[in-house]
Amino acid sequence: MITIARLISVFVTSYSFNGNIIPYDTWWGLLIWAIIFVMTAALCYYVYKHGDKIEKFFKKRFSRKNGGKDDTSR
């Protein structure tokens, strides 16, 4: 969801500056937009297919190590 929102914000920002950041009227500007779109679609597909593994990785990486005790007793 964040990736899609970020893509939309980049698109709107480039249009708000009259197409000066990533032009939409040149062949290379359209190529950059196509690459951004394909990369976003590929990332969404990867997250959809491997979401459980990604979630486990982040839970393991950022979980608090409190000796197996539950923090709800506070």
C-alpha atoms as a PDB file:
ATOM      1  CA  MET A   1       0.000   0.000   0.000  1.00  0.00           C
ATOM      2  CA  ILE A   2       2.832   2.384   0.852  1.00  0.00           C
ATOM      3  CA  THR A   3       4.526   1.646  -2.471  1.00  0.00           C
ATOM      4  CA  ILE A   4       1.390   2.507  -4.415  1.00  0.00           C
ATOM      5  CA  ALA A   5       0.882   5.691  -2.408  1.00  0.00           C
ATOM      6  CA  ARG A   6       4.520   6.663  -2.977  1.00  0.00           C
ATOM      7  CA  LEU A   7       4.181   6.119  -6.723  1.00  0.00           C
ATOM      8  CA  ILE A   8       1.102   8.334  -6.819  1.00  0.00           C
ATOM      9  CA  SER A   9       2.871  11.064  -4.841  1.00  0.00           C
ATOM     10  CA  VAL A  10       5.869  10.985  -7.194  1.00  0.00           C
ATOM     11  CA  PHE A  11       3.513  11.199 -10.170  1.00  0.00           C
ATOM     12  CA  VAL A  12       1.593  14.137  -8.717  1.00  0.00           C
ATOM     13  CA  THR A  13       4.792  15.930  -7.717  1.00  0.00           C
ATOM     14  CA  SER A  14       6.233  15.656 -11.191  1.00  0.00           C
ATOM     15  CA  TYR A  15       3.021  17.004 -12.694  1.00  0.00           C
ATOM     16  CA  SER A  16       2.848  19.824 -10.168  1.00  0.00           C
ATOM     17  CA  PHE A  17       6.244  21.061 -11.307  1.00  0.00           C
ATOM     18  CA  ASN A  18       4.951  21.129 -14.892  1.00  0.00           C
ATOM     19  CA  GLY A  19       6.740  17.911 -15.780  1.00  0.00           C
ATOM     20  CA  ASN A  20      10.200  19.250 -15.006  1.00  0.00           C
ATOM     21  CA  ILE A  21      11.255  16.385 -12.703  1.00  0.00           C
ATOM     22  CA  ILE A  22      10.269  13.477 -14.935  1.00  0.00           C
ATOM     23  CA  PRO A  23       8.930  14.826 -18.208  1.00  0.00           C
ATOM     24  CA  TYR A  24       5.883  13.135 -19.642  1.00  0.00           C
ATOM     25  CA  ASP A  25       6.250  14.410 -23.187  1.00  0.00           C
ATOM     26  CA  THR A  26       9.609  12.879 -24.157  1.00  0.00           C
ATOM     27  CA  TRP A  27      10.512   9.293 -24.991  1.00  0.00           C
ATOM     28  CA  TRP A  28      12.931   8.977 -22.080  1.00  0.00           C
ATOM     29  CA  GLY A  29      10.428  10.479 -19.630  1.00  0.00           C
ATOM     30  CA  LEU A  30       7.828   7.943 -20.698  1.00  0.00           C
ATOM     31  CA  LEU A  31      10.455   5.210 -20.406  1.00  0.00           C
ATOM     32  CA  ILE A  32      11.207   6.244 -16.827  1.00  0.00           C
ATOM     33  CA  TRP A  33       7.479   6.215 -16.005  1.00  0.00           C
ATOM     34  CA  ALA A  34       7.140   2.751 -17.562  1.00  0.00           C
ATOM     35  CA  ILE A  35      10.111   1.475 -15.533  1.00  0.00           C
ATOM     36  CA  ILE A  36       8.635   2.919 -12.326  1.00  0.00           C
ATOM     37  CA  PHE A  37       5.298   1.272 -13.094  1.00  0.00           C
ATOM     38  CA  VAL A  38       6.853  -2.133 -13.868  1.00  0.00           C
ATOM     39  CA  MET A  39       9.053  -2.031 -10.770  1.00  0.00           C
ATOM     40  CA  THR A  40       6.062  -1.122  -8.590  1.00  0.00           C
ATOM     41  CA  ALA A  41       3.992  -3.939 -10.062  1.00  0.00           C
ATOM     42  CA  ALA A  42       6.854  -6.413  -9.558  1.00  0.00           C
ATOM     43  CA  LEU A  43       7.339  -5.278  -5.967  1.00  0.00           C
ATOM     44  CA  CYS A  44       3.617  -5.615  -5.246  1.00  0.00           C
ATOM     45  CA  TYR A  45       3.617  -9.119  -6.728  1.00  0.00           C
ATOM     46  CA  TYR A  46       6.687 -10.123  -4.676  1.00  0.00           C
ATOM     47  CA  VAL A  47       5.175  -8.790  -1.450  1.00  0.00           C
ATOM     48  CA  TYR A  48       1.902 -10.577  -2.231  1.00  0.00           C
ATOM     49  CA  LYS A  49       3.636 -13.915  -2.810  1.00  0.00           C
ATOM     50  CA  HIS A  50       6.197 -13.708   0.018  1.00  0.00           C
ATOM     51  CA  GLY A  51       4.369 -11.570   2.568  1.00  0.00           C
ATOM     52  CA  ASP A  52       4.548 -14.181   5.329  1.00  0.00           C
ATOM     53  CA  LYS A  53       8.315 -14.546   5.017  1.00  0.00           C
ATOM     54  CA  ILE A  54       8.785 -10.791   4.992  1.00  0.00           C
ATOM     55  CA  GLU A  55       6.596 -10.404   8.068  1.00  0.00           C
ATOM     56  CA  LYS A  56       8.482 -13.129   9.947  1.00  0.00           C
ATOM     57  CA  PHE A  57      11.802 -11.498   9.055  1.00  0.00           C
ATOM     58  CA  PHE A  58      10.714  -8.125  10.422  1.00  0.00           C
ATOM     59  CA  LYS A  59       9.144  -9.641  13.537  1.00  0.00           C
ATOM     60  CA  LYS A  60      12.342 -11.547  14.260  1.00  0.00           C
ATOM     61  CA  ARG A  61      14.527  -8.541  13.483  1.00  0.00           C
ATOM     62  CA  PHE A  62      12.637  -5.937  15.508  1.00  0.00           C
ATOM     63  CA  SER A  63      11.004  -7.919  18.301  1.00  0.00           C
ATOM     64  CA  ARG A  64      11.932  -7.124  21.872  1.00  0.00           C
ATOM     65  CA  LYS A  65      14.033  -9.701  23.584  1.00  0.00           C
ATOM     66  CA  ASN A  66      12.520  -9.923  27.045  1.00  0.00           C
ATOM     67  CA  GLY A  67      13.253 -13.492  28.018  1.00  0.00           C
ATOM     68  CA  GLY A  68       9.962 -14.823  26.707  1.00  0.00           C
ATOM     69  CA  LYS A  69       7.892 -12.763  29.161  1.00  0.00           C
ATOM     70  CA  ASP A  70       4.810 -10.990  28.014  1.00  0.00           C
ATOM     71  CA  ASP A  71       4.751  -7.165  28.154  1.00  0.00           C
ATOM     72  CA  THR A  72       1.019  -7.144  28.963  1.00  0.00           C
ATOM     73  CA  SER A  73       1.666  -7.618  32.700  1.00  0.00           C
ATOM     74  CA  ARG A  74       2.763  -3.969  33.135  1.00  0.00           C
END
